[in-house]
Amino acid sequence: MELKFPQFLVTVTKVRGECYRGYKVGDKFIFEDFTKTPEGFCQGAATVIFPCLYALTFGAEFPFEENPRSIHTSCPDGGRVEFFTQVLTETGEIEIREKKEQSGPKPKKMIISIEEVRGKCFYGYKVGDEIEVIGLRTPKDFCGGAYNALFPVLFALNFGAKFPFEDENANARVTCPDNANIRFKVRRVE
């Protein structure tokens, strides 16, 4: 299956204090897709923008934004810089969807299952273990390294993303960054 990912326009919308990278309000960056950071782009900012790019790539919508196919994020370094990420269509226009009525957060229930164990896991996860996640709440005592790898998927699923490369029984699969010892399956249970 060949997938074509959208481009993104990321605009600096606020600067509070001095930005280490010298970004100014109105600076614009084009991300060729969620896997390609523009040359020289701040990696700290890219870290917080990545889950948003990933989620938007697979159809997520952010109901708290005027255009649900966009999102504001802040720099992790004291929130000095605010970025506004918008999806671009194939013709380079900004993708716009109508904002729907929303009465408050609607966090999704997701199940992380241990699908495969290929080596030693410090946390002792075993095939068949299941961990429930509600919205963006972190599971108690969960491995931080694994959660870091899982977060973009959980974030995307929480905001309605769908992955065309997965079968109907699994919304996504993520491999542990520690020597790929564990493979997780994540299902959204709405």
C-alpha atoms as a PDB file:
ATOM      1  CA  MET A   1       0.000   0.000   0.000  1.00  0.00           C
ATOM      2  CA  GLU A   2       1.433   3.322  -1.070  1.00  0.00           C
ATOM      3  CA  LEU A   3       0.539   6.162   1.260  1.00  0.00           C
ATOM      4  CA  LYS A   4       0.736   9.837   0.430  1.00  0.00           C
ATOM      5  CA  PHE A   5       1.100  12.031   3.477  1.00  0.00           C
ATOM      6  CA  PRO A   6       0.027  15.682   3.569  1.00  0.00           C
ATOM      7  CA  GLN A   7       2.301  18.674   3.863  1.00  0.00           C
ATOM      8  CA  PHE A   8       2.020  21.090   6.763  1.00  0.00           C
ATOM      9  CA  LEU A   9       2.397  24.812   7.231  1.00  0.00           C
ATOM     10  CA  VAL A  10       3.772  25.673  10.676  1.00  0.00           C
ATOM     11  CA  THR A  11       3.627  29.375  11.570  1.00  0.00           C
ATOM     12  CA  VAL A  12       5.084  31.144  14.603  1.00  0.00           C
ATOM     13  CA  THR A  13       2.135  32.989  16.164  1.00  0.00           C
ATOM     14  CA  LYS A  14       3.588  34.229  19.486  1.00  0.00           C
ATOM     15  CA  VAL A  15       7.039  34.796  20.968  1.00  0.00           C
ATOM     16  CA  ARG A  16       7.427  35.464  24.686  1.00  0.00           C
ATOM     17  CA  GLY A  17      10.923  36.561  25.586  1.00  0.00           C
ATOM     18  CA  GLU A  18      13.938  35.487  23.620  1.00  0.00           C
ATOM     19  CA  CYS A  19      13.815  32.390  21.419  1.00  0.00           C
ATOM     20  CA  TYR A  20      17.054  30.429  21.372  1.00  0.00           C
ATOM     21  CA  ARG A  21      16.572  29.838  17.628  1.00  0.00           C
ATOM     22  CA  GLY A  22      15.615  33.459  16.937  1.00  0.00           C
ATOM     23  CA  TYR A  23      12.114  32.670  15.689  1.00  0.00           C
ATOM     24  CA  LYS A  24       9.839  35.677  15.148  1.00  0.00           C
ATOM     25  CA  VAL A  25       6.075  36.038  14.828  1.00  0.00           C
ATOM     26  CA  GLY A  26       5.130  35.267  11.250  1.00  0.00           C
ATOM     27  CA  ASP A  27       8.005  32.869  10.528  1.00  0.00           C
ATOM     28  CA  LYS A  28       6.692  30.021   8.386  1.00  0.00           C
ATOM     29  CA  PHE A  29       7.969  26.481   7.891  1.00  0.00           C
ATOM     30  CA  ILE A  30       6.816  23.833   5.434  1.00  0.00           C
ATOM     31  CA  PHE A  31       6.998  20.240   6.627  1.00  0.00           C
ATOM     32  CA  GLU A  32       7.038  17.937   3.569  1.00  0.00           C
ATOM     33  CA  ASP A  33       5.208  15.407   5.742  1.00  0.00           C
ATOM     34  CA  PHE A  34       5.174  14.282   9.363  1.00  0.00           C
ATOM     35  CA  THR A  35       8.457  12.376   8.923  1.00  0.00           C
ATOM     36  CA  LYS A  36      10.498  15.295   7.537  1.00  0.00           C
ATOM     37  CA  THR A  37      11.511  18.248   9.658  1.00  0.00           C
ATOM     38  CA  PRO A  38      12.620  21.330   7.679  1.00  0.00           C
ATOM     39  CA  GLU A  39      16.396  21.703   7.682  1.00  0.00           C
ATOM     40  CA  GLY A  40      17.588  23.562  10.753  1.00  0.00           C
ATOM     41  CA  PHE A  41      14.194  23.481  12.492  1.00  0.00           C
ATOM     42  CA  CYS A  42      14.392  23.450  16.312  1.00  0.00           C
ATOM     43  CA  GLN A  43      14.352  19.828  17.493  1.00  0.00           C
ATOM     44  CA  GLY A  44      12.809  20.807  20.831  1.00  0.00           C
ATOM     45  CA  ALA A  45       9.850  22.338  19.043  1.00  0.00           C
ATOM     46  CA  ALA A  46       9.732  19.437  16.572  1.00  0.00           C
ATOM     47  CA  THR A  47       9.329  17.051  19.511  1.00  0.00           C
ATOM     48  CA  VAL A  48       6.078  18.683  20.649  1.00  0.00           C
ATOM     49  CA  ILE A  49       4.796  19.307  17.127  1.00  0.00           C
ATOM     50  CA  PHE A  50       5.390  15.710  15.944  1.00  0.00           C
ATOM     51  CA  PRO A  51       2.355  14.099  17.678  1.00  0.00           C
ATOM     52  CA  CYS A  52       0.156  16.792  16.126  1.00  0.00           C
ATOM     53  CA  LEU A  53       1.561  16.218  12.637  1.00  0.00           C
ATOM     54  CA  TYR A  54       1.121  12.461  13.070  1.00  0.00           C
ATOM     55  CA  ALA A  55      -2.471  12.843  14.273  1.00  0.00           C
ATOM     56  CA  LEU A  56      -3.417  15.273  11.493  1.00  0.00           C
ATOM     57  CA  THR A  57      -1.828  12.999   8.883  1.00  0.00           C
ATOM     58  CA  PHE A  58      -4.272  10.252   9.776  1.00  0.00           C
ATOM     59  CA  GLY A  59      -7.388  12.386   9.925  1.00  0.00           C
ATOM     60  CA  ALA A  60      -7.517  13.602  13.514  1.00  0.00           C
ATOM     61  CA  GLU A  61      -9.500  16.715  14.304  1.00  0.00           C
ATOM     62  CA  PHE A  62      -9.033  19.089  17.212  1.00  0.00           C
ATOM     63  CA  PRO A  63     -12.526  20.296  18.140  1.00  0.00           C
ATOM     64  CA  PHE A  64     -11.245  23.141  20.314  1.00  0.00           C
ATOM     65  CA  GLU A  65      -9.697  24.910  17.284  1.00  0.00           C
ATOM     66  CA  GLU A  66     -11.724  27.125  14.906  1.00  0.00           C
ATOM     67  CA  ASN A  67     -10.439  24.899  12.082  1.00  0.00           C
ATOM     68  CA  PRO A  68     -10.381  21.388  13.579  1.00  0.00           C
ATOM     69  CA  ARG A  69      -7.706  20.373  11.037  1.00  0.00           C
ATOM     70  CA  SER A  70      -5.174  22.648  12.742  1.00  0.00           C
ATOM     71  CA  ILE A  71      -3.639  23.034  16.181  1.00  0.00           C
ATOM     72  CA  HIS A  72      -1.633  25.451  18.322  1.00  0.00           C
ATOM     73  CA  THR A  73       1.354  24.143  20.293  1.00  0.00           C
ATOM     74  CA  SER A  74       3.949  25.767  22.501  1.00  0.00           C
ATOM     75  CA  CYS A  75       7.690  25.381  22.695  1.00  0.00           C
ATOM     76  CA  PRO A  76       8.738  23.108  25.584  1.00  0.00           C
ATOM     77  CA  ASP A  77      11.378  25.668  26.603  1.00  0.00           C
ATOM     78  CA  GLY A  78       9.208  27.834  28.850  1.00  0.00           C
ATOM     79  CA  GLY A  79       6.506  28.213  26.223  1.00  0.00           C
ATOM     80  CA  ARG A  80       8.513  30.989  24.606  1.00  0.00           C
ATOM     81  CA  VAL A  81       7.221  30.290  21.116  1.00  0.00           C
ATOM     82  CA  GLU A  82       3.739  29.322  19.973  1.00  0.00           C
ATOM     83  CA  PHE A  83       3.321  27.457  16.701  1.00  0.00           C
ATOM     84  CA  PHE A  84       0.193  27.052  14.583  1.00  0.00           C
ATOM     85  CA  THR A  85       0.118  23.906  12.464  1.00  0.00           C
ATOM     86  CA  GLN A  86      -2.177  23.634   9.445  1.00  0.00           C
ATOM     87  CA  VAL A  87      -2.657  20.805   6.955  1.00  0.00           C
ATOM     88  CA  LEU A  88      -2.038  21.634   3.292  1.00  0.00           C
ATOM     89  CA  THR A  89      -4.055  20.077   0.498  1.00  0.00           C
ATOM     90  CA  GLU A  90      -2.431  18.566  -2.599  1.00  0.00           C
ATOM     91  CA  THR A  91      -2.778  21.971  -4.296  1.00  0.00           C
ATOM     92  CA  GLY A  92      -1.063  23.740  -1.390  1.00  0.00           C
ATOM     93  CA  GLU A  93      -4.206  25.309   0.081  1.00  0.00           C
ATOM     94  CA  ILE A  94      -4.950  25.173   3.786  1.00  0.00           C
ATOM     95  CA  GLU A  95      -7.361  22.348   4.557  1.00  0.00           C
ATOM     96  CA  ILE A  96     -10.366  23.726   6.406  1.00  0.00           C
ATOM     97  CA  ARG A  97     -13.162  21.829   8.103  1.00  0.00           C
ATOM     98  CA  GLU A  98     -16.167  23.220   9.852  1.00  0.00           C
ATOM     99  CA  LYS A  99     -15.998  23.410  13.621  1.00  0.00           C
ATOM    100  CA  LYS A 100     -18.610  21.212  15.277  1.00  0.00           C
ATOM    101  CA  GLU A 101     -20.449  21.928  18.486  1.00  0.00           C
ATOM    102  CA  GLN A 102     -18.653  20.497  21.472  1.00  0.00           C
ATOM    103  CA  SER A 103     -19.704  20.570  25.082  1.00  0.00           C
ATOM    104  CA  GLY A 104     -16.319  19.594  26.542  1.00  0.00           C
ATOM    105  CA  PRO A 105     -13.520  17.063  26.325  1.00  0.00           C
ATOM    106  CA  LYS A 106     -14.495  13.637  25.090  1.00  0.00           C
ATOM    107  CA  PRO A 107     -11.488  11.463  25.917  1.00  0.00           C
ATOM    108  CA  LYS A 108     -11.424   8.105  24.192  1.00  0.00           C
ATOM    109  CA  LYS A 109     -10.831   4.781  25.886  1.00  0.00           C
ATOM    110  CA  MET A 110      -7.901   2.868  24.410  1.00  0.00           C
ATOM    111  CA  ILE A 111      -6.417  -0.511  25.200  1.00  0.00           C
ATOM    112  CA  ILE A 112      -2.692  -1.153  24.917  1.00  0.00           C
ATOM    113  CA  SER A 113      -2.067  -4.898  24.521  1.00  0.00           C
ATOM    114  CA  ILE A 114       1.250  -6.714  24.579  1.00  0.00           C
ATOM    115  CA  GLU A 115       1.241  -8.569  21.277  1.00  0.00           C
ATOM    116  CA  GLU A 116       4.781  -9.940  21.123  1.00  0.00           C
ATOM    117  CA  VAL A 117       7.765 -10.314  23.485  1.00  0.00           C
ATOM    118  CA  ARG A 118      11.113 -11.041  21.829  1.00  0.00           C
ATOM    119  CA  GLY A 119      13.559 -10.353  24.626  1.00  0.00           C
ATOM    120  CA  LYS A 120      13.834  -9.352  28.251  1.00  0.00           C
ATOM    121  CA  CYS A 121      11.524  -6.567  29.379  1.00  0.00           C
ATOM    122  CA  PHE A 122      12.560  -4.674  32.511  1.00  0.00           C
ATOM    123  CA  TYR A 123       8.886  -3.998  33.251  1.00  0.00           C
ATOM    124  CA  GLY A 124       7.990  -7.677  32.849  1.00  0.00           C
ATOM    125  CA  TYR A 125       5.313  -7.211  30.228  1.00  0.00           C
ATOM    126  CA  LYS A 126       3.913 -10.489  28.929  1.00  0.00           C
ATOM    127  CA  VAL A 127       1.943 -11.397  25.834  1.00  0.00           C
ATOM    128  CA  GLY A 128      -1.715 -10.754  26.556  1.00  0.00           C
ATOM    129  CA  ASP A 129      -1.178  -8.038  29.183  1.00  0.00           C
ATOM    130  CA  GLU A 130      -3.577  -5.138  28.688  1.00  0.00           C
ATOM    131  CA  ILE A 131      -3.370  -1.580  29.915  1.00  0.00           C
ATOM    132  CA  GLU A 132      -6.341   0.780  29.703  1.00  0.00           C
ATOM    133  CA  VAL A 133      -5.784   4.413  28.802  1.00  0.00           C
ATOM    134  CA  ILE A 134      -8.431   7.141  28.944  1.00  0.00           C
ATOM    135  CA  GLY A 135      -7.681  10.134  26.757  1.00  0.00           C
ATOM    136  CA  LEU A 136      -4.239  11.553  27.408  1.00  0.00           C
ATOM    137  CA  ARG A 137      -3.913  10.247  30.974  1.00  0.00           C
ATOM    138  CA  THR A 138      -0.729   8.270  31.473  1.00  0.00           C
ATOM    139  CA  PRO A 139      -1.085   4.725  32.779  1.00  0.00           C
ATOM    140  CA  LYS A 140       0.229   4.247  36.333  1.00  0.00           C
ATOM    141  CA  ASP A 141       3.700   2.640  36.528  1.00  0.00           C
ATOM    142  CA  PHE A 142       3.924   2.266  32.749  1.00  0.00           C
ATOM    143  CA  CYS A 143       7.387   2.186  31.139  1.00  0.00           C
ATOM    144  CA  GLY A 144       8.341   5.755  30.184  1.00  0.00           C
ATOM    145  CA  GLY A 145      10.400   4.670  27.185  1.00  0.00           C
ATOM    146  CA  ALA A 146       7.531   2.651  25.768  1.00  0.00           C
ATOM    147  CA  TYR A 147       5.022   5.398  26.541  1.00  0.00           C
ATOM    148  CA  ASN A 148       7.143   7.928  24.686  1.00  0.00           C
ATOM    149  CA  ALA A 149       6.958   5.686  21.605  1.00  0.00           C
ATOM    150  CA  LEU A 150       3.224   5.065  22.080  1.00  0.00           C
ATOM    151  CA  PHE A 151       2.201   8.667  22.764  1.00  0.00           C
ATOM    152  CA  PRO A 152       1.848   9.872  19.141  1.00  0.00           C
ATOM    153  CA  VAL A 153      -0.460   6.913  18.413  1.00  0.00           C
ATOM    154  CA  LEU A 154      -2.520   7.425  21.576  1.00  0.00           C
ATOM    155  CA  PHE A 155      -2.739  11.167  20.871  1.00  0.00           C
ATOM    156  CA  ALA A 156      -3.848  10.537  17.289  1.00  0.00           C
ATOM    157  CA  LEU A 157      -6.443   7.923  18.245  1.00  0.00           C
ATOM    158  CA  ASN A 158      -7.811  10.146  20.998  1.00  0.00           C
ATOM    159  CA  PHE A 159      -8.600  12.777  18.383  1.00  0.00           C
ATOM    160  CA  GLY A 160     -10.187  10.405  15.873  1.00  0.00           C
ATOM    161  CA  ALA A 161      -7.324   9.303  13.634  1.00  0.00           C
ATOM    162  CA  LYS A 162      -7.631   6.123  11.571  1.00  0.00           C
ATOM    163  CA  PHE A 163      -4.681   4.190  10.194  1.00  0.00           C
ATOM    164  CA  PRO A 164      -5.206   2.723   6.707  1.00  0.00           C
ATOM    165  CA  PHE A 165      -2.283   0.323   7.102  1.00  0.00           C
ATOM    166  CA  GLU A 166      -3.726  -1.629  10.042  1.00  0.00           C
ATOM    167  CA  ASP A 167      -6.241  -4.452   9.990  1.00  0.00           C
ATOM    168  CA  GLU A 168      -9.734  -4.013  11.371  1.00  0.00           C
ATOM    169  CA  ASN A 169      -8.840  -5.560  14.721  1.00  0.00           C
ATOM    170  CA  ALA A 170      -6.001  -3.215  15.609  1.00  0.00           C
ATOM    171  CA  ASN A 171      -5.830   0.529  15.341  1.00  0.00           C
ATOM    172  CA  ALA A 172      -2.035   0.614  15.514  1.00  0.00           C
ATOM    173  CA  ARG A 173       1.086  -1.277  16.447  1.00  0.00           C
ATOM    174  CA  VAL A 174       4.128   0.241  18.133  1.00  0.00           C
ATOM    175  CA  THR A 175       7.472  -1.358  18.910  1.00  0.00           C
ATOM    176  CA  CYS A 176       9.401  -0.754  22.124  1.00  0.00           C
ATOM    177  CA  PRO A 177      12.456   1.464  21.501  1.00  0.00           C
ATOM    178  CA  ASP A 178      14.562  -0.865  23.699  1.00  0.00           C
ATOM    179  CA  ASN A 179      15.858  -3.304  21.101  1.00  0.00           C
ATOM    180  CA  ALA A 180      12.310  -3.928  19.861  1.00  0.00           C
ATOM    181  CA  ASN A 181      11.741  -6.347  22.725  1.00  0.00           C
ATOM    182  CA  ILE A 182       8.036  -5.648  22.972  1.00  0.00           C
ATOM    183  CA  ARG A 183       5.385  -5.029  20.314  1.00  0.00           C
ATOM    184  CA  PHE A 184       2.282  -3.214  21.513  1.00  0.00           C
ATOM    185  CA  LYS A 185      -1.110  -3.157  19.854  1.00  0.00           C
ATOM    186  CA  VAL A 186      -3.319  -0.149  20.527  1.00  0.00           C
ATOM    187  CA  ARG A 187      -7.075  -0.256  20.031  1.00  0.00           C
ATOM    188  CA  ARG A 188      -9.502   2.595  20.457  1.00  0.00           C
ATOM    189  CA  VAL A 189     -12.601   1.447  22.327  1.00  0.00           C
ATOM    190  CA  GLU A 190     -15.105   4.276  22.045  1.00  0.00           C
END
